[in-house]
Protein backbone atom coordinates (compact mmCIF):
# COMPACT_ATOMS: atom_id res chain seq x y z
CA MET A 1 79.49 -186.80 -27.81
CA ILE A 2 78.15 -186.86 -31.19
CA PHE A 3 77.96 -189.76 -33.19
CA ARG A 4 76.13 -191.10 -36.37
CA ALA A 5 73.17 -193.26 -35.81
CA ASP A 6 73.89 -195.72 -38.49
CA ASP A 7 77.45 -196.65 -38.12
CA ARG A 8 78.09 -195.00 -34.55
CA LYS A 9 81.02 -193.19 -36.01
CA LEU A 10 82.38 -190.66 -33.54
CA LEU A 11 81.42 -187.03 -35.22
CA GLY A 12 82.55 -184.72 -32.23
CA VAL A 13 82.86 -184.25 -28.47
CA HIS A 14 82.46 -181.20 -26.15
CA CYS A 15 83.82 -181.02 -22.63
CA PHE A 16 83.75 -178.13 -20.15
CA GLY A 17 85.15 -177.59 -16.80
CA ASP A 18 88.54 -177.12 -15.29
CA ILE A 19 90.37 -180.18 -17.12
CA ALA A 20 88.27 -180.06 -20.24
CA SER A 21 91.34 -179.65 -22.25
CA GLU A 22 92.75 -183.03 -21.00
CA VAL A 23 89.39 -185.01 -21.11
CA VAL A 24 88.77 -183.80 -24.55
CA ALA A 25 92.02 -184.99 -26.14
CA LEU A 26 91.04 -188.56 -25.81
CA GLY A 27 87.89 -187.75 -27.82
CA HIS A 28 89.94 -185.79 -30.29
CA ALA A 29 92.20 -188.58 -30.91
CA VAL A 30 89.36 -191.16 -31.39
CA LEU A 31 87.65 -188.70 -33.76
CA GLN A 32 90.87 -188.25 -35.90
CA LEU A 33 91.23 -192.04 -36.27
CA GLY A 34 87.71 -192.32 -37.54
CA GLY A 35 86.60 -194.46 -34.43
CA ARG A 36 83.13 -195.64 -33.36
CA VAL A 37 81.70 -194.83 -29.96
CA GLU A 38 82.19 -198.39 -28.82
CA LEU A 39 85.91 -197.93 -28.57
CA PHE A 40 85.27 -196.04 -25.27
CA LEU A 41 83.81 -199.14 -23.70
CA THR A 42 87.04 -200.80 -24.01
CA LEU A 43 89.75 -198.10 -23.35
CA ALA A 44 91.58 -198.07 -20.10
CA LEU A 45 93.45 -195.08 -19.22
CA ASN A 46 95.91 -194.22 -16.27
CA THR A 47 93.23 -191.75 -15.03
CA PRO A 48 90.23 -193.81 -14.50
CA THR A 49 87.70 -190.96 -14.19
CA TYR A 50 88.45 -190.09 -17.67
CA SER A 51 87.61 -193.40 -18.93
CA TYR A 52 84.57 -193.43 -16.98
CA ALA A 53 83.31 -190.23 -18.33
CA TYR A 54 83.43 -191.42 -22.07
CA HIS A 55 82.10 -194.72 -20.87
CA ASP A 56 79.24 -193.26 -19.31
CA ALA A 57 78.55 -190.97 -22.15
CA THR A 58 78.74 -193.73 -24.69
CA VAL A 59 76.19 -195.93 -22.53
CA ASP A 60 74.09 -193.11 -22.19
CA GLY A 61 74.01 -192.09 -25.83
CA LEU A 62 73.60 -195.71 -27.14
CA THR A 63 70.67 -196.16 -24.87
CA ARG A 64 69.11 -193.05 -25.95
CA LEU A 65 69.60 -194.24 -29.77
CA THR A 66 68.00 -197.44 -28.86
CA GLU A 67 65.01 -195.67 -27.15
CA THR A 68 64.73 -193.09 -30.28
CA MET A 69 64.69 -195.96 -32.65
CA GLY A 70 62.43 -198.33 -30.76
CA LEU A 71 64.83 -201.01 -30.44
CA ALA A 72 65.38 -203.29 -27.67
CA ALA A 73 67.51 -201.80 -24.89
CA ASP A 74 70.73 -203.95 -25.82
CA VAL A 75 73.65 -201.43 -24.84
CA PRO A 76 77.03 -203.08 -24.26
CA THR A 77 78.26 -201.78 -20.79
CA SER A 78 81.34 -203.63 -20.52
CA PRO A 79 84.30 -204.60 -22.84
CA ALA A 80 83.11 -208.42 -22.50
CA ASP A 81 79.88 -207.26 -23.91
CA THR A 82 81.44 -205.94 -27.23
CA ALA A 83 83.28 -209.10 -27.90
């Protein structure tokens, strides 16, 4: 998952494996809509493993961003944290 640091707009996703075409479709939809990565923290899909993959990638990316920029680790990890 690649996103801009300033506004966290999704710029690209990359998946590999047996079901990559199914997993990448969600990221592609958000990408085409110009969405931000925080959207993945609130999505609920009928296949929870897909949701969790994007959720975990989002949390990891935002955590790395805060560490890189020297900010406090105030990364939302649940939908309630983004409200």
